[in-house]
């Protein structure tokens, strides 16, 4: 189970990068607008750990999107 969680964290971070690119936002902007520490955004982006609900809401605020958009990616539990 630990390996699946790590792979999900990485996939979530990759999707976050895609959303950032699509919305033309950088980490500094997300951290500033979302009122979250820069290192926290980098940890999520790099798949170092799972984001709490509060972190997800802050990142979404920084991106000016709904939090659900951060989960809009495919992750096949059967293959992982």
C-alpha atoms as a PDB file:
ATOM      1  CA  UNK A   1       0.000   0.000   0.000  1.00  0.00           C
ATOM      2  CA  UNK A   2       2.868   2.391   0.787  1.00  0.00           C
ATOM      3  CA  UNK A   3       4.193   2.071  -2.771  1.00  0.00           C
ATOM      4  CA  UNK A   4       0.766   2.864  -4.263  1.00  0.00           C
ATOM      5  CA  UNK A   5       0.454   5.981  -2.109  1.00  0.00           C
ATOM      6  CA  UNK A   6       3.880   7.205  -3.212  1.00  0.00           C
ATOM      7  CA  UNK A   7       2.989   6.668  -6.866  1.00  0.00           C
ATOM      8  CA  UNK A   8      -0.260   8.566  -6.332  1.00  0.00           C
ATOM      9  CA  UNK A   9       1.610  11.472  -4.722  1.00  0.00           C
ATOM     10  CA  UNK A  10       3.916  11.611  -7.760  1.00  0.00           C
ATOM     11  CA  UNK A  11       0.963  11.454 -10.186  1.00  0.00           C
ATOM     12  CA  UNK A  12      -0.808  14.200  -8.217  1.00  0.00           C
ATOM     13  CA  UNK A  13       2.329  16.356  -8.427  1.00  0.00           C
ATOM     14  CA  UNK A  14       2.598  15.771 -12.164  1.00  0.00           C
ATOM     15  CA  UNK A  15      -1.016  16.816 -12.583  1.00  0.00           C
ATOM     16  CA  UNK A  16      -0.375  19.889 -10.452  1.00  0.00           C
ATOM     17  CA  UNK A  17       2.462  20.830 -12.823  1.00  0.00           C
ATOM     18  CA  UNK A  18       0.120  20.391 -15.803  1.00  0.00           C
ATOM     19  CA  UNK A  19      -2.537  22.579 -14.178  1.00  0.00           C
ATOM     20  CA  UNK A  20       0.084  25.201 -13.355  1.00  0.00           C
ATOM     21  CA  UNK A  21       1.289  25.211 -16.959  1.00  0.00           C
ATOM     22  CA  UNK A  22      -2.264  25.397 -18.310  1.00  0.00           C
ATOM     23  CA  UNK A  23      -3.046  28.336 -16.021  1.00  0.00           C
ATOM     24  CA  UNK A  24       0.335  29.996 -16.532  1.00  0.00           C
ATOM     25  CA  UNK A  25       1.000  30.174 -12.787  1.00  0.00           C
ATOM     26  CA  UNK A  26       4.295  29.598 -11.016  1.00  0.00           C
ATOM     27  CA  UNK A  27       5.041  28.241  -7.565  1.00  0.00           C
ATOM     28  CA  UNK A  28       5.750  31.692  -6.148  1.00  0.00           C
ATOM     29  CA  UNK A  29       2.341  32.996  -7.252  1.00  0.00           C
ATOM     30  CA  UNK A  30       0.514  29.944  -5.906  1.00  0.00           C
ATOM     31  CA  UNK A  31       2.258  30.248  -2.553  1.00  0.00           C
ATOM     32  CA  UNK A  32       1.638  33.977  -2.294  1.00  0.00           C
ATOM     33  CA  UNK A  33      -2.025  34.010  -3.353  1.00  0.00           C
ATOM     34  CA  UNK A  34      -2.833  30.771  -1.535  1.00  0.00           C
ATOM     35  CA  UNK A  35      -1.047  31.950   1.609  1.00  0.00           C
ATOM     36  CA  UNK A  36       0.979  28.766   1.832  1.00  0.00           C
ATOM     37  CA  UNK A  37       4.695  28.206   2.309  1.00  0.00           C
ATOM     38  CA  UNK A  38       6.710  27.889  -0.873  1.00  0.00           C
ATOM     39  CA  UNK A  39       8.369  24.685   0.317  1.00  0.00           C
ATOM     40  CA  UNK A  40       4.937  23.104   0.874  1.00  0.00           C
ATOM     41  CA  UNK A  41       3.993  23.675  -2.771  1.00  0.00           C
ATOM     42  CA  UNK A  42       7.330  22.212  -3.892  1.00  0.00           C
ATOM     43  CA  UNK A  43       6.828  19.118  -1.718  1.00  0.00           C
ATOM     44  CA  UNK A  44       3.443  18.426  -3.291  1.00  0.00           C
ATOM     45  CA  UNK A  45       4.730  19.230  -6.777  1.00  0.00           C
ATOM     46  CA  UNK A  46       7.642  16.816  -6.334  1.00  0.00           C
ATOM     47  CA  UNK A  47       5.433  14.051  -4.939  1.00  0.00           C
ATOM     48  CA  UNK A  48       7.304  14.036  -1.628  1.00  0.00           C
ATOM     49  CA  UNK A  49       4.130  13.650   0.401  1.00  0.00           C
ATOM     50  CA  UNK A  50       0.365  13.794   0.160  1.00  0.00           C
ATOM     51  CA  UNK A  51      -1.303  17.148   0.529  1.00  0.00           C
ATOM     52  CA  UNK A  52      -3.772  17.820   3.324  1.00  0.00           C
ATOM     53  CA  UNK A  53      -7.182  19.216   2.486  1.00  0.00           C
ATOM     54  CA  UNK A  54      -6.048  22.636   3.683  1.00  0.00           C
ATOM     55  CA  UNK A  55      -3.010  22.526   1.407  1.00  0.00           C
ATOM     56  CA  UNK A  56      -5.133  21.469  -1.563  1.00  0.00           C
ATOM     57  CA  UNK A  57      -7.548  24.338  -0.945  1.00  0.00           C
ATOM     58  CA  UNK A  58      -4.649  26.814  -0.672  1.00  0.00           C
ATOM     59  CA  UNK A  59      -3.054  25.545  -3.888  1.00  0.00           C
ATOM     60  CA  UNK A  60      -6.399  25.735  -5.701  1.00  0.00           C
ATOM     61  CA  UNK A  61      -6.872  29.297  -4.440  1.00  0.00           C
ATOM     62  CA  UNK A  62      -3.401  30.191  -5.705  1.00  0.00           C
ATOM     63  CA  UNK A  63      -4.284  28.727  -9.099  1.00  0.00           C
ATOM     64  CA  UNK A  64      -7.733  30.368  -9.108  1.00  0.00           C
ATOM     65  CA  UNK A  65      -9.417  27.010  -9.737  1.00  0.00           C
ATOM     66  CA  UNK A  66     -11.772  24.661  -7.915  1.00  0.00           C
ATOM     67  CA  UNK A  67      -9.931  22.072  -5.760  1.00  0.00           C
ATOM     68  CA  UNK A  68     -11.539  19.207  -7.695  1.00  0.00           C
ATOM     69  CA  UNK A  69      -9.519  20.197 -10.770  1.00  0.00           C
ATOM     70  CA  UNK A  70      -6.363  19.054  -8.986  1.00  0.00           C
ATOM     71  CA  UNK A  71      -7.753  15.504  -8.966  1.00  0.00           C
ATOM     72  CA  UNK A  72      -8.643  15.410 -12.659  1.00  0.00           C
ATOM     73  CA  UNK A  73      -6.136  12.805 -13.797  1.00  0.00           C
ATOM     74  CA  UNK A  74      -6.061   9.078 -14.420  1.00  0.00           C
ATOM     75  CA  UNK A  75      -4.580   6.772 -11.838  1.00  0.00           C
ATOM     76  CA  UNK A  76      -5.185   3.074 -12.282  1.00  0.00           C
ATOM     77  CA  UNK A  77      -5.049   1.314  -8.915  1.00  0.00           C
ATOM     78  CA  UNK A  78      -5.135  -2.067 -10.629  1.00  0.00           C
ATOM     79  CA  UNK A  79      -1.896  -1.451 -12.532  1.00  0.00           C
ATOM     80  CA  UNK A  80      -0.137   0.288  -9.687  1.00  0.00           C
END
